[in-house]
Amino acid sequence: MKRDVTEGIRSRFDMDVVSERSVEAAVQRGRVRLFGKDHDVADLVTMAQRQLGRGAELEHILFVGGGTVALAAHIRDWFVNQAVAEHPAFANARGMLKYLRYVCDASNAA
């Protein structure tokens, strides 16, 4: 979702790069401050959310990452089958570590 919001902001305001902080503000408040002015981008956020659909075809929807912590109040009831990872801010790092161990174990076995 954040990637879609980022691309929408980049396109709308003809920008090469959009900061993570600006994207977080856009997702949380539907507004972003650029060029010294506040801009309403709620439509971009809504469109990105719609692309997620209802998640009916997915077994589980697991929220991870620091954005989960920042957006907890906003994502509370998005999906019937959603869950928030334990310590979500570190979930991506734990997953990468598990993957690295898996890859290293596989290469050592070969």
C-alpha atoms as a PDB file:
ATOM      1  CA  MET A   1       0.000   0.000   0.000  1.00  0.00           C
ATOM      2  CA  LYS A   2       2.782   2.406   0.908  1.00  0.00           C
ATOM      3  CA  ARG A   3       4.433   1.764  -2.451  1.00  0.00           C
ATOM      4  CA  ASP A   4       1.218   2.707  -4.267  1.00  0.00           C
ATOM      5  CA  VAL A   5       0.825   5.863  -2.177  1.00  0.00           C
ATOM      6  CA  THR A   6       4.455   6.772  -2.846  1.00  0.00           C
ATOM      7  CA  GLU A   7       4.006   6.321  -6.597  1.00  0.00           C
ATOM      8  CA  GLY A   8       0.807   8.349  -6.529  1.00  0.00           C
ATOM      9  CA  ILE A   9       2.501  11.243  -4.727  1.00  0.00           C
ATOM     10  CA  ARG A  10       5.511  11.095  -7.050  1.00  0.00           C
ATOM     11  CA  SER A  11       3.290  11.215 -10.107  1.00  0.00           C
ATOM     12  CA  ARG A  12       0.886  13.881  -8.870  1.00  0.00           C
ATOM     13  CA  PHE A  13       3.599  16.273  -7.709  1.00  0.00           C
ATOM     14  CA  ASP A  14       6.239  15.400 -10.332  1.00  0.00           C
ATOM     15  CA  MET A  15       8.816  14.241  -7.787  1.00  0.00           C
ATOM     16  CA  ASP A  16      11.702  11.810  -8.143  1.00  0.00           C
ATOM     17  CA  VAL A  17      11.778  10.788  -4.476  1.00  0.00           C
ATOM     18  CA  VAL A  18       9.233  10.913  -1.662  1.00  0.00           C
ATOM     19  CA  SER A  19      10.485  10.524   1.904  1.00  0.00           C
ATOM     20  CA  GLU A  20       9.268   7.708   4.119  1.00  0.00           C
ATOM     21  CA  ARG A  21       8.108  10.351   6.595  1.00  0.00           C
ATOM     22  CA  SER A  22       5.910  12.005   3.965  1.00  0.00           C
ATOM     23  CA  VAL A  23       4.375   8.676   2.978  1.00  0.00           C
ATOM     24  CA  GLU A  24       3.668   7.828   6.634  1.00  0.00           C
ATOM     25  CA  ALA A  25       1.969  11.202   7.071  1.00  0.00           C
ATOM     26  CA  ALA A  26      -0.067  10.630   3.925  1.00  0.00           C
ATOM     27  CA  VAL A  27      -1.253   7.200   5.076  1.00  0.00           C
ATOM     28  CA  GLN A  28      -1.987   8.315   8.639  1.00  0.00           C
ATOM     29  CA  ARG A  29      -3.651  11.644   7.947  1.00  0.00           C
ATOM     30  CA  GLY A  30      -4.468  11.672   4.235  1.00  0.00           C
ATOM     31  CA  ARG A  31      -2.348  14.799   3.912  1.00  0.00           C
ATOM     32  CA  VAL A  32       1.246  15.456   2.972  1.00  0.00           C
ATOM     33  CA  ARG A  33       3.312  18.612   3.302  1.00  0.00           C
ATOM     34  CA  LEU A  34       5.259  19.419   0.156  1.00  0.00           C
ATOM     35  CA  PHE A  35       6.745  22.633  -1.133  1.00  0.00           C
ATOM     36  CA  GLY A  36       5.704  24.406   2.071  1.00  0.00           C
ATOM     37  CA  LYS A  37       2.011  23.562   1.708  1.00  0.00           C
ATOM     38  CA  ASP A  38      -0.331  20.831   2.925  1.00  0.00           C
ATOM     39  CA  HIS A  39      -1.893  18.726   0.178  1.00  0.00           C
ATOM     40  CA  ASP A  40      -4.863  16.386   0.450  1.00  0.00           C
ATOM     41  CA  VAL A  41      -3.880  12.910  -0.769  1.00  0.00           C
ATOM     42  CA  ALA A  42      -6.653  10.936   0.912  1.00  0.00           C
ATOM     43  CA  ASP A  43      -7.840   9.734  -2.507  1.00  0.00           C
ATOM     44  CA  LEU A  44      -4.433   8.117  -3.144  1.00  0.00           C
ATOM     45  CA  VAL A  45      -4.580   6.335   0.212  1.00  0.00           C
ATOM     46  CA  THR A  46      -8.140   5.146  -0.400  1.00  0.00           C
ATOM     47  CA  MET A  47      -7.226   3.856  -3.851  1.00  0.00           C
ATOM     48  CA  ALA A  48      -4.237   1.957  -2.434  1.00  0.00           C
ATOM     49  CA  GLN A  49      -6.440   0.425   0.268  1.00  0.00           C
ATOM     50  CA  ARG A  50      -9.022  -0.684  -2.296  1.00  0.00           C
ATOM     51  CA  GLN A  51      -6.357  -2.550  -4.230  1.00  0.00           C
ATOM     52  CA  LEU A  52      -5.914  -4.779  -1.195  1.00  0.00           C
ATOM     53  CA  GLY A  53      -9.527  -5.819  -1.637  1.00  0.00           C
ATOM     54  CA  ARG A  54     -11.125  -7.645   1.250  1.00  0.00           C
ATOM     55  CA  GLY A  55      -8.472 -10.361   1.376  1.00  0.00           C
ATOM     56  CA  ALA A  56     -11.122 -13.078   1.042  1.00  0.00           C
ATOM     57  CA  GLU A  57      -8.858 -15.334  -1.009  1.00  0.00           C
ATOM     58  CA  LEU A  58      -6.012 -15.105   1.496  1.00  0.00           C
ATOM     59  CA  GLU A  59      -5.635 -17.471   4.431  1.00  0.00           C
ATOM     60  CA  HIS A  60      -4.144 -14.797   6.708  1.00  0.00           C
ATOM     61  CA  ILE A  61      -3.074 -11.194   6.406  1.00  0.00           C
ATOM     62  CA  LEU A  62      -0.129 -10.500   8.675  1.00  0.00           C
ATOM     63  CA  PHE A  63       0.909  -6.920   9.348  1.00  0.00           C
ATOM     64  CA  VAL A  64       4.631  -6.440   9.976  1.00  0.00           C
ATOM     65  CA  GLY A  65       7.110  -3.580  10.049  1.00  0.00           C
ATOM     66  CA  GLY A  66       7.352  -0.241  11.774  1.00  0.00           C
ATOM     67  CA  GLY A  67       4.404   1.111   9.813  1.00  0.00           C
ATOM     68  CA  THR A  68       2.194  -1.404  11.602  1.00  0.00           C
ATOM     69  CA  VAL A  69       3.039   0.213  14.917  1.00  0.00           C
ATOM     70  CA  ALA A  70       2.457   3.717  13.583  1.00  0.00           C
ATOM     71  CA  LEU A  71      -0.806   2.784  11.877  1.00  0.00           C
ATOM     72  CA  ALA A  72      -2.222   0.397  14.496  1.00  0.00           C
ATOM     73  CA  ALA A  73      -5.331   2.475  15.173  1.00  0.00           C
ATOM     74  CA  HIS A  74      -6.045   2.886  11.445  1.00  0.00           C
ATOM     75  CA  ILE A  75      -5.657  -0.759  10.427  1.00  0.00           C
ATOM     76  CA  ARG A  76      -7.390  -2.336  13.416  1.00  0.00           C
ATOM     77  CA  ASP A  77     -10.428  -3.689  11.555  1.00  0.00           C
ATOM     78  CA  TRP A  78      -9.420  -3.772   7.908  1.00  0.00           C
ATOM     79  CA  PHE A  79      -9.679  -7.533   7.387  1.00  0.00           C
ATOM     80  CA  VAL A  80     -11.539 -10.342   9.122  1.00  0.00           C
ATOM     81  CA  ASN A  81      -8.495 -12.611   8.793  1.00  0.00           C
ATOM     82  CA  GLN A  82      -5.812 -10.135   9.846  1.00  0.00           C
ATOM     83  CA  ALA A  83      -3.209 -10.382  12.574  1.00  0.00           C
ATOM     84  CA  VAL A  84      -0.371  -8.205  13.781  1.00  0.00           C
ATOM     85  CA  ALA A  85       2.992  -9.890  14.232  1.00  0.00           C
ATOM     86  CA  GLU A  86       4.449 -10.023  17.710  1.00  0.00           C
ATOM     87  CA  HIS A  87       6.816  -7.041  17.918  1.00  0.00           C
ATOM     88  CA  PRO A  88       5.925  -5.960  14.372  1.00  0.00           C
ATOM     89  CA  ALA A  89       8.703  -3.380  14.111  1.00  0.00           C
ATOM     90  CA  PHE A  90      11.256  -6.196  14.213  1.00  0.00           C
ATOM     91  CA  ALA A  91       9.292  -8.837  12.269  1.00  0.00           C
ATOM     92  CA  ASN A  92      10.945  -8.049   8.926  1.00  0.00           C
ATOM     93  CA  ALA A  93      14.399  -8.314  10.463  1.00  0.00           C
ATOM     94  CA  ARG A  94      13.517 -11.642  12.108  1.00  0.00           C
ATOM     95  CA  GLY A  95      12.165 -12.952   8.816  1.00  0.00           C
ATOM     96  CA  MET A  96      15.315 -11.927   6.971  1.00  0.00           C
ATOM     97  CA  LEU A  97      17.443 -13.652   9.600  1.00  0.00           C
ATOM     98  CA  LYS A  98      15.400 -16.858   9.248  1.00  0.00           C
ATOM     99  CA  TYR A  99      15.756 -16.695   5.475  1.00  0.00           C
ATOM    100  CA  LEU A 100      19.499 -16.118   5.730  1.00  0.00           C
ATOM    101  CA  ARG A 101      19.860 -19.115   8.037  1.00  0.00           C
ATOM    102  CA  TYR A 102      17.821 -21.219   5.609  1.00  0.00           C
ATOM    103  CA  VAL A 103      19.975 -20.161   2.635  1.00  0.00           C
ATOM    104  CA  CYS A 104      23.216 -20.720   4.545  1.00  0.00           C
ATOM    105  CA  ASP A 105      22.075 -24.153   5.742  1.00  0.00           C
ATOM    106  CA  ALA A 106      21.120 -25.111   2.181  1.00  0.00           C
ATOM    107  CA  SER A 107      24.462 -23.973   0.773  1.00  0.00           C
ATOM    108  CA  ASN A 108      26.399 -25.784   3.504  1.00  0.00           C
ATOM    109  CA  ALA A 109      24.513 -29.011   2.769  1.00  0.00           C
ATOM    110  CA  ALA A 110      25.456 -28.842  -0.920  1.00  0.00           C
END
